[in-house]
Protein backbone atom coordinates (compact mmCIF):
# COMPACT_ATOMS: atom_id res chain seq x y z
CA UNK A 1 84.10 96.25 118.89
CA UNK A 2 83.55 98.10 115.58
CA UNK A 3 84.90 96.67 112.37
CA UNK A 4 87.98 98.41 111.03
CA UNK A 5 89.17 98.55 107.44
CA UNK A 6 92.57 99.52 106.10
CA UNK A 7 94.74 98.45 103.22
CA UNK A 8 97.73 96.15 103.38
CA UNK A 9 100.88 95.71 101.34
CA UNK A 10 100.15 92.35 99.73
CA UNK A 11 100.51 92.30 95.95
CA UNK A 12 97.10 93.19 94.52
CA UNK A 13 95.74 91.74 91.30
CA UNK A 14 95.62 94.15 88.40
CA UNK A 15 97.73 96.64 86.52
CA UNK A 16 99.46 99.80 87.71
CA UNK A 17 100.05 102.95 85.69
CA UNK A 18 102.75 105.46 86.46
CA UNK A 19 102.08 108.92 85.03
CA UNK A 20 105.37 110.79 84.95
CA UNK A 21 106.22 114.38 84.00
CA UNK A 22 109.39 114.71 81.91
CA UNK A 23 110.15 118.27 83.07
CA UNK A 24 112.78 118.18 85.82
CA UNK A 25 113.59 114.70 84.56
CA UNK A 26 116.69 114.41 86.71
CA UNK A 27 114.24 114.28 89.64
CA UNK A 28 111.25 112.52 88.10
CA UNK A 29 113.34 109.64 86.76
CA UNK A 30 114.59 108.97 90.30
CA UNK A 31 110.99 109.09 91.56
CA UNK A 32 110.00 106.64 88.81
CA UNK A 33 112.83 104.28 89.72
CA UNK A 34 111.75 104.35 93.38
CA UNK A 35 108.11 103.70 92.49
CA UNK A 36 108.87 100.79 90.16
CA UNK A 37 111.29 99.26 92.66
CA UNK A 38 108.64 99.44 95.40
CA UNK A 39 105.97 97.84 93.22
CA UNK A 40 108.31 95.01 92.26
CA UNK A 41 109.48 94.45 95.84
CA UNK A 42 105.84 94.13 96.92
CA UNK A 43 105.10 91.43 94.36
CA UNK A 44 103.65 93.38 91.45
CA UNK A 45 104.81 91.73 88.24
CA UNK A 46 106.92 93.89 85.92
CA UNK A 47 104.57 93.23 83.01
CA UNK A 48 101.70 94.65 85.11
CA UNK A 49 103.35 98.09 85.20
CA UNK A 50 102.90 100.69 82.45
CA UNK A 51 104.65 104.07 82.32
CA UNK A 52 103.01 107.07 80.66
CA UNK A 53 105.03 110.26 80.18
CA UNK A 54 103.82 113.80 79.63
CA UNK A 55 105.74 117.06 79.07
CA UNK A 56 105.34 118.58 82.51
CA UNK A 57 103.59 118.56 85.84
CA UNK A 58 100.80 120.82 84.61
CA UNK A 59 99.82 118.10 82.12
CA UNK A 60 99.69 115.31 84.73
CA UNK A 61 95.99 115.72 85.69
CA UNK A 62 94.85 115.45 82.08
CA UNK A 63 97.00 112.38 81.46
CA UNK A 64 95.90 110.79 84.74
CA UNK A 65 92.23 111.32 83.90
CA UNK A 66 92.61 109.71 80.49
CA UNK A 67 94.56 106.77 81.91
CA UNK A 68 91.88 106.34 84.58
CA UNK A 69 89.12 106.37 81.98
CA UNK A 70 90.60 103.32 80.25
CA UNK A 71 89.49 101.21 83.21
CA UNK A 72 92.62 99.11 82.70
CA UNK A 73 94.33 99.96 86.00
CA UNK A 74 93.71 99.27 89.67
CA UNK A 75 96.29 101.86 90.68
CA UNK A 76 97.67 105.05 89.17
CA UNK A 77 100.75 106.76 90.60
CA UNK A 78 101.47 110.35 89.56
CA UNK A 79 105.05 111.59 89.63
CA UNK A 80 106.38 115.07 88.98
CA UNK A 81 108.55 117.84 90.38
CA UNK A 82 107.83 121.55 90.58
CA UNK A 83 110.74 123.64 91.84
CA UNK A 84 110.19 127.23 92.92
CA UNK A 85 111.77 129.91 90.77
CA UNK A 86 111.69 133.67 90.78
CA UNK A 87 108.15 134.01 89.37
CA UNK A 88 104.64 132.98 90.49
CA UNK A 89 104.71 130.17 87.88
CA UNK A 90 105.46 127.64 90.64
CA UNK A 91 102.26 128.51 92.52
CA UNK A 92 100.07 128.14 89.45
CA UNK A 93 101.57 124.86 88.28
CA UNK A 94 101.74 123.25 91.72
CA UNK A 95 98.24 124.33 92.68
CA UNK A 96 96.56 123.30 89.44
CA UNK A 97 98.38 119.97 89.41
CA UNK A 98 97.35 119.13 92.97
CA UNK A 99 93.77 120.23 92.39
CA UNK A 100 93.50 118.36 89.09
CA UNK A 101 94.92 115.09 90.37
CA UNK A 102 92.71 115.38 93.44
CA UNK A 103 89.66 115.71 91.23
CA UNK A 104 90.69 112.66 89.22
CA UNK A 105 91.32 110.66 92.39
CA UNK A 106 87.92 111.63 93.75
CA UNK A 107 86.05 110.23 90.75
CA UNK A 108 88.30 107.36 89.68
CA UNK A 109 87.61 103.69 90.17
CA UNK A 110 91.37 103.14 90.43
CA UNK A 111 93.41 104.21 93.43
CA UNK A 112 95.26 107.40 92.51
CA UNK A 113 98.24 108.61 94.53
CA UNK A 114 100.15 111.88 94.48
CA UNK A 115 103.91 111.65 94.12
CA UNK A 116 104.48 115.20 92.92
CA UNK A 117 107.22 117.13 94.66
CA UNK A 118 106.72 120.85 95.29
CA UNK A 119 110.06 122.13 96.50
CA UNK A 120 111.67 125.48 97.13
CA UNK A 121 115.09 124.39 95.90
CA UNK A 122 116.74 121.86 93.61
CA UNK A 123 118.49 120.41 96.64
CA UNK A 124 115.16 119.72 98.36
CA UNK A 125 113.88 117.96 95.23
CA UNK A 126 117.00 115.81 94.96
CA UNK A 127 116.79 114.91 98.65
CA UNK A 128 113.15 113.80 98.26
CA UNK A 129 113.97 111.77 95.16
CA UNK A 130 116.17 109.36 97.05
CA UNK A 131 119.11 111.14 98.62
CA UNK A 132 118.31 112.26 102.19
CA UNK A 133 114.53 112.23 102.64
CA UNK A 134 113.75 108.83 101.18
CA UNK A 135 112.16 108.49 97.77
CA UNK A 136 108.72 110.07 97.50
CA UNK A 137 108.04 108.01 94.36
CA UNK A 138 108.48 104.88 96.46
CA UNK A 139 106.18 106.37 99.10
CA UNK A 140 103.49 107.08 96.48
CA UNK A 141 103.76 103.51 95.15
CA UNK A 142 103.42 102.06 98.64
CA UNK A 143 100.38 104.24 99.32
CA UNK A 144 98.89 103.10 96.01
CA UNK A 145 99.30 99.41 96.88
CA UNK A 146 97.61 100.03 100.22
CA UNK A 147 94.74 101.97 98.63
CA UNK A 148 94.20 99.33 95.92
CA UNK A 149 93.81 96.72 98.66
CA UNK A 150 91.45 98.98 100.63
CA UNK A 151 89.38 99.57 97.48
CA UNK A 152 89.20 95.79 97.10
CA UNK A 153 87.78 95.45 100.62
CA UNK A 154 85.18 98.10 99.84
CA UNK A 155 84.21 96.33 96.62
CA UNK A 156 83.64 93.10 98.54
CA UNK A 157 81.46 95.00 101.02
CA UNK A 158 79.44 96.45 98.16
CA UNK A 159 78.87 92.94 96.81
CA UNK A 160 77.80 91.73 100.26
CA UNK A 161 80.85 89.52 100.72
CA UNK A 162 82.48 91.50 103.53
């Protein structure tokens, strides 16, 4: 039988960073609340959580990269909300944000998760921030815990202890 590796939801050792866009704050604050609540419920200590805020979703990749480069965090959760309007601005911001955070995640030592909403309407964003469709900030935090634990397994393998 082949060995199988996947993360778990035990509280990992280390610090978590939450990178949060202030634009559409009525949504991103709910995402932040969901993410923090999930981390705390899974045993992450409150003093092991830092929140970094930037103006908007377009700025999230730059902030996330700089937070990652500190080497101080085992997990980084990105939170933002882009809501479609009447111009192509949505497509540019959403696409560049996703691409940028993906690039950071690819090269980061920390686990990086994507909790950025890209919605057609305000109602969809509100629903995904805790009303009808769960809280996508909580989902991103849970995914981050799992990935931190999976990264830990991989590090033990690299050291020959797996």
